[in-house]
N, C-alpha and C. Protein backbone atom coordinates (compact mmCIF):
# COMPACT_ATOMS: atom_id res chain seq x y z
N MET A 1 0.85 -1.18 0.00
CA MET A 1 0.00 0.00 0.00
C MET A 1 0.89 1.25 0.00
N THR A 2 0.59 2.16 -0.88
CA THR A 2 1.33 3.41 -0.97
C THR A 2 0.63 4.46 -0.11
N LEU A 3 1.41 5.09 0.77
CA LEU A 3 0.89 6.18 1.58
C LEU A 3 1.16 7.50 0.90
N ARG A 4 0.18 8.37 0.94
CA ARG A 4 0.37 9.73 0.45
C ARG A 4 0.55 10.62 1.67
N ILE A 5 1.76 11.19 1.79
CA ILE A 5 2.10 12.00 2.96
C ILE A 5 2.36 13.43 2.52
N ASP A 6 1.61 14.35 3.08
CA ASP A 6 1.83 15.78 2.86
C ASP A 6 2.95 16.19 3.82
N MET A 7 4.11 16.53 3.28
CA MET A 7 5.30 16.81 4.09
C MET A 7 5.40 18.25 4.56
N HIS A 8 4.47 19.10 4.15
CA HIS A 8 4.59 20.51 4.52
C HIS A 8 3.22 21.16 4.62
N ALA A 9 2.71 21.22 5.84
CA ALA A 9 1.43 21.88 6.09
C ALA A 9 1.58 22.70 7.36
N HIS A 10 0.84 23.78 7.44
CA HIS A 10 0.94 24.65 8.62
C HIS A 10 -0.32 24.58 9.48
N PHE A 11 -0.15 24.96 10.73
CA PHE A 11 -1.28 25.16 11.63
C PHE A 11 -1.09 26.52 12.30
N PHE A 12 -2.19 27.02 12.82
CA PHE A 12 -2.15 28.27 13.58
C PHE A 12 -3.16 28.12 14.70
N PRO A 13 -2.71 28.15 15.95
CA PRO A 13 -3.65 27.97 17.07
C PRO A 13 -4.62 29.14 17.20
N LYS A 14 -5.67 28.90 17.94
CA LYS A 14 -6.63 29.97 18.24
C LYS A 14 -6.02 30.88 19.30
N ILE A 15 -5.01 31.65 18.91
CA ILE A 15 -4.36 32.59 19.82
C ILE A 15 -5.22 33.85 19.86
N SER A 16 -5.62 34.25 21.05
CA SER A 16 -6.45 35.45 21.19
C SER A 16 -5.57 36.70 21.15
N ARG A 17 -6.19 37.83 20.93
CA ARG A 17 -5.48 39.12 20.95
C ARG A 17 -4.82 39.31 22.31
N GLU A 18 -5.51 38.95 23.37
CA GLU A 18 -4.99 39.12 24.73
C GLU A 18 -3.77 38.23 24.96
N ALA A 19 -3.83 36.98 24.51
CA ALA A 19 -2.70 36.07 24.69
C ALA A 19 -1.49 36.57 23.90
N ALA A 20 -1.71 37.05 22.69
CA ALA A 20 -0.61 37.57 21.88
C ALA A 20 -0.01 38.81 22.52
N ALA A 21 -0.85 39.65 23.11
CA ALA A 21 -0.37 40.89 23.72
C ALA A 21 0.56 40.62 24.90
N ARG A 22 0.42 39.45 25.53
CA ARG A 22 1.34 39.12 26.62
C ARG A 22 2.77 38.94 26.10
N LEU A 23 2.89 38.58 24.83
CA LEU A 23 4.21 38.49 24.21
C LEU A 23 4.63 39.85 23.68
N ASP A 24 3.74 40.50 22.92
CA ASP A 24 4.04 41.79 22.31
C ASP A 24 2.74 42.40 21.81
N ALA A 25 2.30 43.46 22.46
CA ALA A 25 1.03 44.08 22.12
C ALA A 25 1.04 44.71 20.73
N GLN A 26 2.20 45.09 20.24
CA GLN A 26 2.29 45.77 18.95
C GLN A 26 2.30 44.84 17.75
N HIS A 27 2.98 43.69 17.87
CA HIS A 27 3.22 42.89 16.67
C HIS A 27 2.95 41.39 16.79
N ALA A 28 2.74 40.86 17.98
CA ALA A 28 2.59 39.41 18.11
C ALA A 28 1.39 38.91 17.31
N PRO A 29 1.54 37.77 16.64
CA PRO A 29 0.46 37.23 15.82
C PRO A 29 -0.66 36.60 16.64
N TRP A 30 -1.87 36.77 16.14
CA TRP A 30 -3.03 36.16 16.76
C TRP A 30 -4.05 35.87 15.67
N LEU A 31 -5.11 35.18 16.04
CA LEU A 31 -6.09 34.73 15.05
C LEU A 31 -7.45 35.38 15.30
N ALA A 32 -7.93 36.12 14.31
CA ALA A 32 -9.27 36.70 14.34
C ALA A 32 -10.16 35.81 13.47
N ILE A 33 -11.07 35.07 14.12
CA ILE A 33 -11.96 34.16 13.39
C ILE A 33 -13.24 34.89 13.04
N ASP A 34 -13.65 34.78 11.77
CA ASP A 34 -14.87 35.44 11.31
C ASP A 34 -16.09 34.84 11.99
N ALA A 35 -17.20 35.56 11.93
CA ALA A 35 -18.43 35.14 12.59
C ALA A 35 -18.93 33.78 12.07
N ASP A 36 -18.63 33.46 10.81
CA ASP A 36 -19.09 32.17 10.27
C ASP A 36 -18.26 31.00 10.78
N GLY A 37 -17.12 31.27 11.43
CA GLY A 37 -16.26 30.22 11.96
C GLY A 37 -15.48 29.45 10.91
N GLU A 38 -15.65 29.78 9.66
CA GLU A 38 -15.02 29.06 8.56
C GLU A 38 -13.75 29.74 8.04
N SER A 39 -13.61 31.00 8.32
CA SER A 39 -12.45 31.73 7.83
C SER A 39 -11.99 32.69 8.90
N GLY A 40 -10.87 33.29 8.67
CA GLY A 40 -10.33 34.22 9.64
C GLY A 40 -9.17 34.99 9.06
N MET A 41 -8.49 35.73 9.93
CA MET A 41 -7.35 36.52 9.53
C MET A 41 -6.26 36.37 10.57
N ILE A 42 -5.05 36.04 10.12
CA ILE A 42 -3.91 36.12 11.01
C ILE A 42 -3.60 37.61 11.14
N MET A 43 -3.50 38.04 12.37
CA MET A 43 -3.24 39.45 12.65
C MET A 43 -1.83 39.61 13.21
N SER A 44 -1.23 40.73 12.95
CA SER A 44 0.04 41.11 13.57
C SER A 44 -0.25 42.39 14.33
N GLY A 45 -0.48 42.24 15.65
CA GLY A 45 -0.97 43.39 16.41
C GLY A 45 -2.34 43.76 15.88
N ASP A 46 -2.48 44.99 15.41
CA ASP A 46 -3.74 45.45 14.85
C ASP A 46 -3.80 45.35 13.33
N GLN A 47 -2.72 44.86 12.71
CA GLN A 47 -2.63 44.82 11.26
C GLN A 47 -2.96 43.44 10.70
N PRO A 48 -3.82 43.37 9.68
CA PRO A 48 -4.07 42.08 9.02
C PRO A 48 -2.78 41.57 8.38
N PHE A 49 -2.53 40.28 8.53
CA PHE A 49 -1.33 39.68 7.94
C PHE A 49 -1.70 38.78 6.76
N ARG A 50 -2.63 37.81 6.99
CA ARG A 50 -3.00 36.89 5.92
C ARG A 50 -4.35 36.27 6.22
N PRO A 51 -5.23 36.18 5.20
CA PRO A 51 -6.49 35.47 5.39
C PRO A 51 -6.24 33.96 5.45
N VAL A 52 -7.02 33.27 6.26
CA VAL A 52 -6.85 31.83 6.45
C VAL A 52 -8.23 31.17 6.54
N ASN A 53 -8.24 29.82 6.49
CA ASN A 53 -9.51 29.11 6.65
C ASN A 53 -9.40 28.06 7.74
N ARG A 54 -10.52 27.49 8.07
CA ARG A 54 -10.69 26.66 9.27
C ARG A 54 -9.74 25.48 9.44
N PRO A 55 -9.35 24.77 8.39
CA PRO A 55 -8.43 23.64 8.61
C PRO A 55 -7.11 24.05 9.28
N LEU A 56 -6.78 25.32 9.25
CA LEU A 56 -5.54 25.79 9.88
C LEU A 56 -5.60 25.62 11.39
N TRP A 57 -6.78 25.70 11.99
CA TRP A 57 -6.91 25.57 13.45
C TRP A 57 -7.85 24.46 13.90
N ASP A 58 -8.52 23.80 13.00
CA ASP A 58 -9.52 22.78 13.34
C ASP A 58 -9.08 21.43 12.74
N THR A 59 -8.65 20.50 13.59
CA THR A 59 -8.12 19.24 13.07
C THR A 59 -9.20 18.37 12.41
N ALA A 60 -10.42 18.43 12.90
CA ALA A 60 -11.48 17.64 12.26
C ALA A 60 -11.66 18.10 10.82
N ARG A 61 -11.68 19.41 10.62
CA ARG A 61 -11.81 19.94 9.26
C ARG A 61 -10.55 19.64 8.44
N ARG A 62 -9.39 19.66 9.09
CA ARG A 62 -8.13 19.33 8.40
C ARG A 62 -8.19 17.90 7.88
N VAL A 63 -8.63 16.96 8.71
CA VAL A 63 -8.71 15.56 8.29
C VAL A 63 -9.73 15.38 7.18
N GLU A 64 -10.86 16.09 7.25
CA GLU A 64 -11.85 16.04 6.16
C GLU A 64 -11.21 16.51 4.85
N GLU A 65 -10.44 17.58 4.92
CA GLU A 65 -9.76 18.10 3.74
C GLU A 65 -8.72 17.10 3.22
N MET A 66 -8.00 16.47 4.14
CA MET A 66 -7.03 15.45 3.74
C MET A 66 -7.73 14.30 3.02
N ASP A 67 -8.87 13.86 3.57
CA ASP A 67 -9.63 12.78 2.94
C ASP A 67 -10.06 13.17 1.53
N ALA A 68 -10.54 14.39 1.38
CA ALA A 68 -11.00 14.85 0.07
C ALA A 68 -9.86 14.91 -0.94
N LEU A 69 -8.65 15.14 -0.46
CA LEU A 69 -7.48 15.24 -1.34
C LEU A 69 -6.72 13.92 -1.48
N GLY A 70 -7.17 12.89 -0.76
CA GLY A 70 -6.50 11.60 -0.82
C GLY A 70 -5.18 11.56 -0.08
N ILE A 71 -5.04 12.35 0.97
CA ILE A 71 -3.81 12.41 1.76
C ILE A 71 -3.98 11.51 2.98
N ASP A 72 -3.05 10.59 3.18
CA ASP A 72 -3.12 9.66 4.30
C ASP A 72 -2.58 10.24 5.59
N MET A 73 -1.46 10.95 5.49
CA MET A 73 -0.82 11.53 6.68
C MET A 73 -0.34 12.94 6.33
N GLN A 74 -0.20 13.75 7.38
CA GLN A 74 0.26 15.11 7.16
C GLN A 74 1.25 15.50 8.24
N LEU A 75 2.34 16.13 7.83
CA LEU A 75 3.33 16.66 8.74
C LEU A 75 3.10 18.16 8.87
N MET A 76 2.71 18.59 10.07
CA MET A 76 2.35 19.99 10.30
C MET A 76 3.46 20.71 11.06
N CYS A 77 3.52 22.01 10.85
CA CYS A 77 4.38 22.87 11.64
C CYS A 77 3.71 24.23 11.74
N ALA A 78 4.16 25.00 12.71
CA ALA A 78 3.57 26.32 12.93
C ALA A 78 3.84 27.22 11.72
N THR A 79 2.93 28.12 11.46
CA THR A 79 3.12 29.12 10.43
C THR A 79 4.34 29.97 10.81
N PRO A 80 5.26 30.23 9.87
CA PRO A 80 6.49 30.93 10.22
C PRO A 80 6.32 32.28 10.93
N VAL A 81 5.20 32.93 10.75
CA VAL A 81 4.99 34.20 11.46
C VAL A 81 5.02 33.98 12.98
N LEU A 82 4.91 32.74 13.41
CA LEU A 82 4.94 32.41 14.84
C LEU A 82 6.34 32.14 15.38
N PHE A 83 7.38 32.20 14.55
CA PHE A 83 8.74 31.87 15.01
C PHE A 83 9.14 32.62 16.28
N GLY A 84 8.87 33.90 16.36
CA GLY A 84 9.21 34.66 17.56
C GLY A 84 10.69 34.97 17.71
N TYR A 85 11.44 34.95 16.62
CA TYR A 85 12.88 35.19 16.71
C TYR A 85 13.25 36.61 17.15
N GLY A 86 12.35 37.54 17.01
CA GLY A 86 12.64 38.92 17.37
C GLY A 86 12.40 39.26 18.83
N TYR A 87 11.95 38.32 19.62
CA TYR A 87 11.61 38.57 21.02
C TYR A 87 12.74 38.13 21.94
N PRO A 88 12.74 38.60 23.18
CA PRO A 88 13.73 38.10 24.13
C PRO A 88 13.65 36.58 24.21
N ALA A 89 14.80 35.95 24.36
CA ALA A 89 14.89 34.49 24.26
C ALA A 89 13.97 33.76 25.24
N THR A 90 13.88 34.22 26.48
CA THR A 90 13.04 33.49 27.45
C THR A 90 11.57 33.59 27.08
N ALA A 91 11.16 34.75 26.58
CA ALA A 91 9.76 34.90 26.13
C ALA A 91 9.51 34.03 24.90
N ALA A 92 10.48 33.98 23.99
CA ALA A 92 10.34 33.15 22.79
C ALA A 92 10.32 31.67 23.15
N LEU A 93 11.08 31.28 24.17
CA LEU A 93 11.05 29.88 24.61
C LEU A 93 9.67 29.51 25.13
N GLU A 94 9.11 30.34 25.98
CA GLU A 94 7.76 30.07 26.50
C GLU A 94 6.75 30.00 25.37
N TRP A 95 6.85 30.91 24.41
CA TRP A 95 5.97 30.95 23.23
C TRP A 95 6.11 29.63 22.45
N ALA A 96 7.35 29.21 22.19
CA ALA A 96 7.60 27.98 21.44
C ALA A 96 7.06 26.76 22.18
N GLN A 97 7.27 26.71 23.48
CA GLN A 97 6.79 25.57 24.26
C GLN A 97 5.27 25.47 24.21
N ARG A 98 4.59 26.61 24.33
CA ARG A 98 3.12 26.58 24.23
C ARG A 98 2.67 26.10 22.86
N LEU A 99 3.31 26.59 21.81
CA LEU A 99 2.94 26.17 20.45
C LEU A 99 3.26 24.69 20.24
N ASN A 100 4.38 24.24 20.75
CA ASN A 100 4.77 22.84 20.59
C ASN A 100 3.81 21.91 21.33
N ASP A 101 3.43 22.29 22.53
CA ASP A 101 2.47 21.48 23.29
C ASP A 101 1.11 21.47 22.60
N TYR A 102 0.70 22.62 22.06
CA TYR A 102 -0.56 22.71 21.33
C TYR A 102 -0.53 21.80 20.09
N ALA A 103 0.60 21.80 19.39
CA ALA A 103 0.72 20.97 18.19
C ALA A 103 0.54 19.49 18.52
N LEU A 104 1.12 19.06 19.65
CA LEU A 104 0.94 17.66 20.05
C LEU A 104 -0.51 17.36 20.40
N GLU A 105 -1.21 18.33 20.98
CA GLU A 105 -2.64 18.15 21.26
C GLU A 105 -3.41 17.98 19.96
N LEU A 106 -3.06 18.78 18.94
CA LEU A 106 -3.72 18.65 17.64
C LEU A 106 -3.49 17.25 17.07
N CYS A 107 -2.26 16.78 17.14
CA CYS A 107 -1.93 15.46 16.59
C CYS A 107 -2.64 14.34 17.35
N ALA A 108 -2.85 14.53 18.64
CA ALA A 108 -3.50 13.50 19.46
C ALA A 108 -4.94 13.25 19.01
N THR A 109 -5.55 14.22 18.32
CA THR A 109 -6.93 14.04 17.86
C THR A 109 -7.00 13.10 16.66
N ALA A 110 -5.88 12.94 15.95
CA ALA A 110 -5.83 12.02 14.80
C ALA A 110 -4.41 11.45 14.73
N PRO A 111 -4.03 10.63 15.71
CA PRO A 111 -2.63 10.20 15.84
C PRO A 111 -2.09 9.38 14.66
N ASN A 112 -2.95 8.72 13.92
CA ASN A 112 -2.49 7.95 12.77
C ASN A 112 -2.45 8.77 11.49
N ARG A 113 -2.86 10.04 11.61
CA ARG A 113 -2.94 10.89 10.42
C ARG A 113 -2.05 12.13 10.50
N LEU A 114 -1.84 12.65 11.72
CA LEU A 114 -1.13 13.92 11.87
C LEU A 114 0.17 13.74 12.65
N MET A 115 1.20 14.40 12.17
CA MET A 115 2.50 14.48 12.84
C MET A 115 2.90 15.95 12.85
N THR A 116 3.88 16.28 13.70
CA THR A 116 4.23 17.70 13.78
C THR A 116 5.73 17.90 13.96
N LEU A 117 6.16 19.08 13.56
CA LEU A 117 7.52 19.57 13.80
C LEU A 117 7.44 20.68 14.83
N ALA A 118 8.44 20.75 15.70
CA ALA A 118 8.48 21.76 16.76
C ALA A 118 9.14 23.04 16.24
N GLN A 119 8.97 24.09 17.00
CA GLN A 119 9.74 25.30 16.75
C GLN A 119 10.57 25.59 17.99
N VAL A 120 11.62 26.38 17.81
CA VAL A 120 12.57 26.65 18.89
C VAL A 120 12.94 28.13 18.90
N PRO A 121 13.38 28.64 20.06
CA PRO A 121 13.84 30.04 20.14
C PRO A 121 15.26 30.14 19.60
N LEU A 122 15.39 30.21 18.31
CA LEU A 122 16.69 30.10 17.65
C LEU A 122 17.62 31.28 17.91
N GLN A 123 17.10 32.33 18.53
CA GLN A 123 17.97 33.46 18.88
C GLN A 123 18.87 33.14 20.07
N ASP A 124 18.59 32.02 20.77
CA ASP A 124 19.43 31.56 21.88
C ASP A 124 19.70 30.08 21.65
N ILE A 125 20.90 29.77 21.22
CA ILE A 125 21.22 28.40 20.78
C ILE A 125 21.06 27.38 21.90
N GLU A 126 21.48 27.73 23.11
CA GLU A 126 21.34 26.79 24.22
C GLU A 126 19.88 26.46 24.49
N LEU A 127 19.01 27.49 24.52
CA LEU A 127 17.58 27.26 24.72
C LEU A 127 16.98 26.49 23.55
N ALA A 128 17.43 26.82 22.34
CA ALA A 128 16.91 26.15 21.15
C ALA A 128 17.25 24.66 21.18
N CYS A 129 18.48 24.33 21.54
CA CYS A 129 18.88 22.92 21.62
C CYS A 129 18.05 22.18 22.67
N ALA A 130 17.87 22.81 23.82
CA ALA A 130 17.11 22.17 24.90
C ALA A 130 15.66 21.95 24.48
N GLU A 131 15.04 22.95 23.81
CA GLU A 131 13.65 22.80 23.40
C GLU A 131 13.51 21.78 22.27
N ALA A 132 14.48 21.73 21.36
CA ALA A 132 14.43 20.72 20.30
C ALA A 132 14.45 19.32 20.91
N SER A 133 15.31 19.11 21.89
CA SER A 133 15.40 17.79 22.54
C SER A 133 14.12 17.48 23.32
N ARG A 134 13.59 18.47 24.06
CA ARG A 134 12.36 18.26 24.83
C ARG A 134 11.20 17.92 23.91
N ALA A 135 11.06 18.70 22.84
CA ALA A 135 9.93 18.50 21.93
C ALA A 135 10.04 17.16 21.21
N PHE A 136 11.24 16.80 20.79
CA PHE A 136 11.43 15.53 20.09
C PHE A 136 11.09 14.36 21.02
N ALA A 137 11.52 14.44 22.27
CA ALA A 137 11.21 13.39 23.25
C ALA A 137 9.72 13.32 23.53
N ALA A 138 9.02 14.46 23.41
CA ALA A 138 7.58 14.50 23.69
C ALA A 138 6.74 13.99 22.53
N GLY A 139 7.33 13.83 21.34
CA GLY A 139 6.57 13.28 20.23
C GLY A 139 6.66 14.02 18.92
N HIS A 140 7.31 15.17 18.88
CA HIS A 140 7.50 15.88 17.61
C HIS A 140 8.43 15.05 16.74
N ARG A 141 8.26 15.12 15.44
CA ARG A 141 9.07 14.33 14.50
C ARG A 141 10.35 15.05 14.11
N GLY A 142 10.53 16.29 14.54
CA GLY A 142 11.70 17.08 14.21
C GLY A 142 11.42 18.52 14.58
N VAL A 143 12.19 19.44 13.99
CA VAL A 143 12.00 20.87 14.22
C VAL A 143 11.93 21.59 12.89
N GLN A 144 11.24 22.72 12.91
CA GLN A 144 11.20 23.63 11.78
C GLN A 144 11.92 24.90 12.21
N ILE A 145 12.83 25.37 11.38
CA ILE A 145 13.50 26.64 11.65
C ILE A 145 13.40 27.51 10.41
N GLY A 146 13.63 28.80 10.59
CA GLY A 146 13.70 29.71 9.46
C GLY A 146 15.06 29.63 8.80
N ASN A 147 15.15 30.17 7.59
CA ASN A 147 16.41 30.14 6.86
C ASN A 147 17.41 31.18 7.36
N HIS A 148 17.00 32.00 8.32
CA HIS A 148 17.91 32.95 8.95
C HIS A 148 17.26 33.45 10.24
N VAL A 149 18.08 34.02 11.09
CA VAL A 149 17.61 34.67 12.31
C VAL A 149 18.19 36.07 12.28
N GLY A 150 17.37 37.05 11.90
CA GLY A 150 17.90 38.40 11.70
C GLY A 150 19.00 38.34 10.65
N PRO A 151 20.16 38.92 10.91
CA PRO A 151 21.26 38.91 9.93
C PRO A 151 22.06 37.61 9.92
N LYS A 152 21.74 36.67 10.77
CA LYS A 152 22.49 35.41 10.86
C LYS A 152 21.90 34.38 9.90
N ASP A 153 22.75 33.92 8.97
CA ASP A 153 22.35 32.88 8.03
C ASP A 153 22.73 31.51 8.59
N LEU A 154 22.42 30.47 7.84
CA LEU A 154 22.64 29.11 8.32
C LEU A 154 24.10 28.74 8.52
N ASP A 155 25.02 29.56 8.00
CA ASP A 155 26.44 29.29 8.23
C ASP A 155 26.97 30.00 9.47
N ASP A 156 26.10 30.69 10.21
CA ASP A 156 26.49 31.33 11.47
C ASP A 156 26.95 30.27 12.46
N GLU A 157 27.97 30.55 13.22
CA GLU A 157 28.54 29.58 14.15
C GLU A 157 27.48 29.01 15.11
N GLY A 158 26.63 29.88 15.65
CA GLY A 158 25.59 29.41 16.56
C GLY A 158 24.57 28.52 15.88
N LEU A 159 24.16 28.89 14.67
CA LEU A 159 23.19 28.08 13.95
C LEU A 159 23.80 26.74 13.54
N VAL A 160 25.07 26.74 13.19
CA VAL A 160 25.75 25.47 12.91
C VAL A 160 25.78 24.61 14.17
N GLN A 161 25.98 25.24 15.31
CA GLN A 161 25.97 24.50 16.58
C GLN A 161 24.60 23.86 16.80
N PHE A 162 23.53 24.60 16.52
CA PHE A 162 22.18 24.05 16.66
C PHE A 162 21.97 22.87 15.70
N LEU A 163 22.35 23.05 14.44
CA LEU A 163 22.19 21.98 13.46
C LEU A 163 23.00 20.75 13.84
N THR A 164 24.19 20.96 14.38
CA THR A 164 25.02 19.85 14.84
C THR A 164 24.35 19.12 16.01
N HIS A 165 23.77 19.89 16.94
CA HIS A 165 23.04 19.28 18.05
C HIS A 165 21.93 18.37 17.52
N CYS A 166 21.16 18.90 16.58
CA CYS A 166 20.06 18.11 16.03
C CYS A 166 20.58 16.85 15.33
N ALA A 167 21.66 16.99 14.58
CA ALA A 167 22.24 15.83 13.90
C ALA A 167 22.69 14.79 14.92
N ASN A 168 23.34 15.24 15.98
CA ASN A 168 23.82 14.31 17.00
C ASN A 168 22.69 13.63 17.75
N GLU A 169 21.55 14.31 17.88
CA GLU A 169 20.39 13.75 18.59
C GLU A 169 19.44 13.00 17.66
N GLY A 170 19.72 13.00 16.36
CA GLY A 170 18.84 12.34 15.40
C GLY A 170 17.53 13.08 15.18
N ILE A 171 17.56 14.41 15.34
CA ILE A 171 16.36 15.24 15.20
C ILE A 171 16.35 15.85 13.80
N PRO A 172 15.41 15.44 12.94
CA PRO A 172 15.33 16.04 11.60
C PRO A 172 15.02 17.54 11.69
N VAL A 173 15.53 18.29 10.72
CA VAL A 173 15.33 19.74 10.66
C VAL A 173 14.76 20.12 9.30
N LEU A 174 13.65 20.85 9.31
CA LEU A 174 13.10 21.45 8.10
C LEU A 174 13.47 22.93 8.13
N VAL A 175 14.16 23.39 7.11
CA VAL A 175 14.50 24.81 7.01
C VAL A 175 13.44 25.46 6.12
N HIS A 176 12.69 26.38 6.71
CA HIS A 176 11.58 27.03 6.01
C HIS A 176 11.99 28.45 5.59
N PRO A 177 11.91 28.76 4.30
CA PRO A 177 12.18 30.14 3.89
C PRO A 177 11.14 31.07 4.49
N TRP A 178 11.59 32.23 4.93
CA TRP A 178 10.66 33.20 5.51
C TRP A 178 11.33 34.57 5.50
N ASP A 179 10.55 35.61 5.58
CA ASP A 179 11.07 36.97 5.74
C ASP A 179 12.30 37.13 4.85
N MET A 180 12.10 36.88 3.57
CA MET A 180 13.22 36.68 2.65
C MET A 180 14.11 37.90 2.49
N MET A 181 15.27 37.81 2.99
CA MET A 181 16.41 38.70 2.88
C MET A 181 16.13 40.04 2.19
N THR A 182 15.43 40.89 2.87
CA THR A 182 15.13 42.22 2.34
C THR A 182 16.18 43.24 2.72
N ASP A 183 17.30 42.77 3.31
CA ASP A 183 18.34 43.70 3.76
C ASP A 183 19.48 43.84 2.76
N GLY A 184 19.33 43.33 1.54
CA GLY A 184 20.34 43.48 0.50
C GLY A 184 21.32 42.33 0.40
N ARG A 185 21.29 41.36 1.33
CA ARG A 185 22.24 40.25 1.28
C ARG A 185 22.10 39.45 0.00
N MET A 186 20.89 39.24 -0.49
CA MET A 186 20.69 38.44 -1.69
C MET A 186 21.38 39.10 -2.88
N LYS A 187 21.30 40.42 -2.99
CA LYS A 187 21.97 41.11 -4.09
C LYS A 187 23.48 40.93 -4.01
N ARG A 188 24.04 40.98 -2.80
CA ARG A 188 25.48 40.77 -2.65
C ARG A 188 25.86 39.38 -3.09
N TRP A 189 25.07 38.37 -2.75
CA TRP A 189 25.39 37.00 -3.14
C TRP A 189 25.30 36.85 -4.65
N MET A 190 24.33 37.49 -5.23
CA MET A 190 24.15 37.37 -6.68
C MET A 190 25.32 38.01 -7.43
N LEU A 191 26.01 38.96 -6.85
CA LEU A 191 27.12 39.62 -7.52
C LEU A 191 28.41 38.83 -7.42
N ILE A 192 28.47 37.88 -6.49
CA ILE A 192 29.71 37.13 -6.28
C ILE A 192 29.90 36.12 -7.39
């Protein structure tokens, strides 16, 4: 039997405006669900970020959608806007832990269908390594990281240390492009 596995799908928890404000009242992401309950908007503070629909936060609807598409299993990870790399490391760790625990709760509703990748506070390598190990031991299939943390690319000494930790622990890593190099670095690379 051939399994059809969706290797890249996102989720976004029902984060309230109040819960997001505890992290950052100006910019932290949260979910505004429309009155019909079928659609919503990811918000960044008071600014709309991206329209979304119910399977992003509702696993029953996600599984229905998977069935309609003929998908047997799905590997989910948080939407990159939730990375939290710009926040103080301890706040980002707490944020990541809550999201990682929530992701496991989502997977528990359909354990033979849903798997998840954790996120980590990559701005602090020691905390990131510890959370990657904790999350992997708790049931995550690996971690998702961004392709950079501020001006630090994947060849940064600290990020290499994190990747080495994951390799040594047998923790798979998905590198997700995000916030694509708007600081001019891409132009410099293209000129080399």
